[in-house]
N, C-alpha and C. Protein backbone atom coordinates (compact mmCIF):
# COMPACT_ATOMS: atom_id res chain seq x y z
N MET A 1 0.84 -1.18 0.00
CA MET A 1 0.00 0.00 0.00
C MET A 1 0.89 1.25 0.00
N LEU A 2 0.54 2.19 -0.83
CA LEU A 2 1.29 3.44 -0.91
C LEU A 2 0.93 4.34 0.27
N PRO A 3 1.93 5.02 0.85
CA PRO A 3 1.62 5.88 2.00
C PRO A 3 0.73 7.06 1.65
N CYS A 4 0.74 7.49 0.40
CA CYS A 4 -0.08 8.63 0.01
C CYS A 4 -1.51 8.22 -0.37
N GLN A 5 -1.77 6.96 -0.44
CA GLN A 5 -3.06 6.48 -0.93
C GLN A 5 -4.22 6.99 -0.09
N SER A 6 -4.06 7.04 1.22
CA SER A 6 -5.17 7.44 2.08
C SER A 6 -5.24 8.96 2.29
N THR A 7 -4.14 9.69 2.00
CA THR A 7 -4.13 11.13 2.29
C THR A 7 -4.19 12.01 1.06
N CYS A 8 -3.89 11.50 -0.08
CA CYS A 8 -3.84 12.32 -1.29
C CYS A 8 -5.21 12.39 -1.96
N PRO A 9 -5.76 13.60 -2.14
CA PRO A 9 -7.08 13.72 -2.77
C PRO A 9 -7.04 13.41 -4.27
N ALA A 10 -5.85 13.49 -4.89
CA ALA A 10 -5.74 13.24 -6.32
C ALA A 10 -5.28 11.82 -6.62
N PHE A 11 -5.35 10.92 -5.64
CA PHE A 11 -4.85 9.55 -5.85
C PHE A 11 -5.74 8.79 -6.81
N HIS A 12 -5.11 8.12 -7.74
CA HIS A 12 -5.77 7.13 -8.59
C HIS A 12 -4.72 6.07 -8.92
N SER A 13 -5.16 4.95 -9.36
CA SER A 13 -4.26 3.82 -9.59
C SER A 13 -3.17 4.19 -10.59
N GLY A 14 -1.92 4.01 -10.20
CA GLY A 14 -0.79 4.27 -11.07
C GLY A 14 -0.28 5.70 -11.06
N CYS A 15 -0.90 6.58 -10.29
CA CYS A 15 -0.49 7.99 -10.32
C CYS A 15 0.87 8.21 -9.66
N HIS A 16 1.29 7.30 -8.79
CA HIS A 16 2.57 7.49 -8.09
C HIS A 16 3.77 7.44 -9.04
N LYS A 17 3.57 6.91 -10.19
CA LYS A 17 4.67 6.80 -11.14
C LYS A 17 5.07 8.17 -11.71
N HIS A 18 4.15 9.13 -11.66
CA HIS A 18 4.41 10.46 -12.22
C HIS A 18 4.28 11.56 -11.17
N CYS A 19 4.04 11.21 -9.93
CA CYS A 19 3.77 12.19 -8.88
C CYS A 19 5.08 12.77 -8.32
N ASP A 20 5.17 14.11 -8.29
CA ASP A 20 6.38 14.76 -7.76
C ASP A 20 6.52 14.54 -6.26
N GLN A 21 5.41 14.53 -5.53
CA GLN A 21 5.48 14.28 -4.09
C GLN A 21 5.99 12.87 -3.80
N TRP A 22 5.56 11.92 -4.59
CA TRP A 22 6.00 10.54 -4.41
C TRP A 22 7.50 10.41 -4.70
N ARG A 23 7.95 11.10 -5.75
CA ARG A 23 9.38 11.06 -6.08
C ARG A 23 10.21 11.70 -4.97
N ALA A 24 9.72 12.81 -4.42
CA ALA A 24 10.42 13.47 -3.32
C ALA A 24 10.47 12.55 -2.10
N PHE A 25 9.36 11.86 -1.82
CA PHE A 25 9.31 10.91 -0.71
C PHE A 25 10.31 9.78 -0.92
N GLN A 26 10.36 9.24 -2.14
CA GLN A 26 11.30 8.15 -2.45
C GLN A 26 12.75 8.62 -2.33
N GLU A 27 13.03 9.85 -2.76
CA GLU A 27 14.38 10.38 -2.66
C GLU A 27 14.78 10.55 -1.20
N GLU A 28 13.87 11.02 -0.38
CA GLU A 28 14.14 11.17 1.05
C GLU A 28 14.42 9.81 1.70
N GLN A 29 13.64 8.81 1.33
CA GLN A 29 13.86 7.46 1.85
C GLN A 29 15.21 6.92 1.41
N ARG A 30 15.58 7.18 0.17
CA ARG A 30 16.87 6.71 -0.35
C ARG A 30 18.02 7.35 0.43
N LEU A 31 17.91 8.65 0.68
CA LEU A 31 18.96 9.34 1.43
C LEU A 31 19.06 8.81 2.86
N GLN A 32 17.92 8.52 3.48
CA GLN A 32 17.93 7.96 4.83
C GLN A 32 18.59 6.58 4.85
N ARG A 33 18.27 5.75 3.86
CA ARG A 33 18.89 4.41 3.79
C ARG A 33 20.40 4.51 3.62
N GLU A 34 20.85 5.42 2.76
CA GLU A 34 22.29 5.60 2.56
C GLU A 34 22.97 6.07 3.84
N ALA A 35 22.33 6.99 4.56
CA ALA A 35 22.90 7.48 5.81
C ALA A 35 23.00 6.36 6.83
N LYS A 36 21.99 5.51 6.91
CA LYS A 36 22.01 4.39 7.84
C LYS A 36 23.11 3.40 7.48
N LYS A 37 23.28 3.15 6.18
CA LYS A 37 24.34 2.24 5.74
C LYS A 37 25.71 2.77 6.10
N ARG A 38 25.93 4.07 5.87
CA ARG A 38 27.23 4.66 6.22
C ARG A 38 27.47 4.58 7.72
N TYR A 39 26.45 4.85 8.51
CA TYR A 39 26.55 4.77 9.96
C TYR A 39 26.93 3.36 10.39
N LEU A 40 26.23 2.35 9.87
CA LEU A 40 26.51 0.97 10.24
C LEU A 40 27.89 0.51 9.78
N GLN A 41 28.29 0.91 8.58
CA GLN A 41 29.60 0.52 8.09
C GLN A 41 30.70 1.12 8.97
N TYR A 42 30.55 2.37 9.34
CA TYR A 42 31.55 3.03 10.18
C TYR A 42 31.65 2.34 11.53
N HIS A 43 30.52 2.09 12.16
CA HIS A 43 30.55 1.53 13.51
C HIS A 43 30.86 0.04 13.52
N THR A 44 30.58 -0.66 12.45
CA THR A 44 30.95 -2.06 12.36
C THR A 44 32.47 -2.20 12.36
N VAL A 45 33.13 -1.34 11.60
CA VAL A 45 34.59 -1.36 11.56
C VAL A 45 35.17 -1.00 12.93
N ARG A 46 34.61 0.02 13.57
CA ARG A 46 35.11 0.44 14.89
C ARG A 46 34.91 -0.66 15.93
N CYS A 47 33.77 -1.31 15.93
CA CYS A 47 33.50 -2.37 16.92
C CYS A 47 34.41 -3.57 16.67
N ALA A 48 34.64 -3.92 15.42
CA ALA A 48 35.53 -5.04 15.11
C ALA A 48 36.95 -4.71 15.55
N GLN A 49 37.37 -3.48 15.34
CA GLN A 49 38.70 -3.07 15.76
C GLN A 49 38.84 -3.14 17.28
N THR A 50 37.85 -2.67 18.00
CA THR A 50 37.88 -2.72 19.47
C THR A 50 37.90 -4.16 19.96
N ALA A 51 37.10 -5.01 19.34
CA ALA A 51 37.06 -6.42 19.74
C ALA A 51 38.42 -7.08 19.53
N ARG A 52 39.07 -6.79 18.40
CA ARG A 52 40.40 -7.36 18.14
C ARG A 52 41.41 -6.86 19.17
N GLN A 53 41.32 -5.60 19.54
CA GLN A 53 42.25 -5.05 20.53
C GLN A 53 42.04 -5.71 21.89
N LEU A 54 40.78 -5.91 22.28
CA LEU A 54 40.51 -6.53 23.57
C LEU A 54 40.94 -7.99 23.59
N ILE A 55 40.75 -8.69 22.50
CA ILE A 55 41.20 -10.08 22.42
C ILE A 55 42.73 -10.12 22.49
N GLY A 56 43.39 -9.15 21.87
CA GLY A 56 44.84 -9.10 21.90
C GLY A 56 45.39 -8.84 23.29
N LEU A 57 44.63 -8.19 24.14
CA LEU A 57 45.07 -7.90 25.50
C LEU A 57 44.90 -9.08 26.44
N GLN A 58 44.12 -10.06 26.06
CA GLN A 58 43.89 -11.21 26.93
C GLN A 58 45.15 -12.06 27.01
N ALA A 59 45.32 -12.70 28.15
CA ALA A 59 46.44 -13.60 28.33
C ALA A 59 46.25 -14.82 27.44
N ARG A 60 47.35 -15.24 26.82
CA ARG A 60 47.27 -16.39 25.90
C ARG A 60 47.13 -17.71 26.68
N ARG A 61 47.87 -17.82 27.77
CA ARG A 61 47.81 -19.02 28.58
C ARG A 61 47.51 -18.60 30.02
N PRO A 62 46.63 -19.32 30.67
CA PRO A 62 46.37 -18.96 32.07
C PRO A 62 47.61 -19.20 32.93
N ILE A 63 47.87 -18.27 33.82
CA ILE A 63 49.01 -18.40 34.74
C ILE A 63 48.48 -18.95 36.04
N TRP A 64 49.05 -20.07 36.51
CA TRP A 64 48.57 -20.71 37.74
C TRP A 64 49.31 -20.23 38.89
């Protein structure tokens, strides 16, 4: 279901293909997805780096 279907007075079947508001909505969604991907990629690398550092600090053999 299209989000504009219930709120747009000019809605008719297939109109979203040519609607400027729909294109603007899709562009905004695309930008949000890209921002989320960049955020996750950045923090995934940082978390992996921190995990490797913490593992490197652990003792290799237990000392009795």
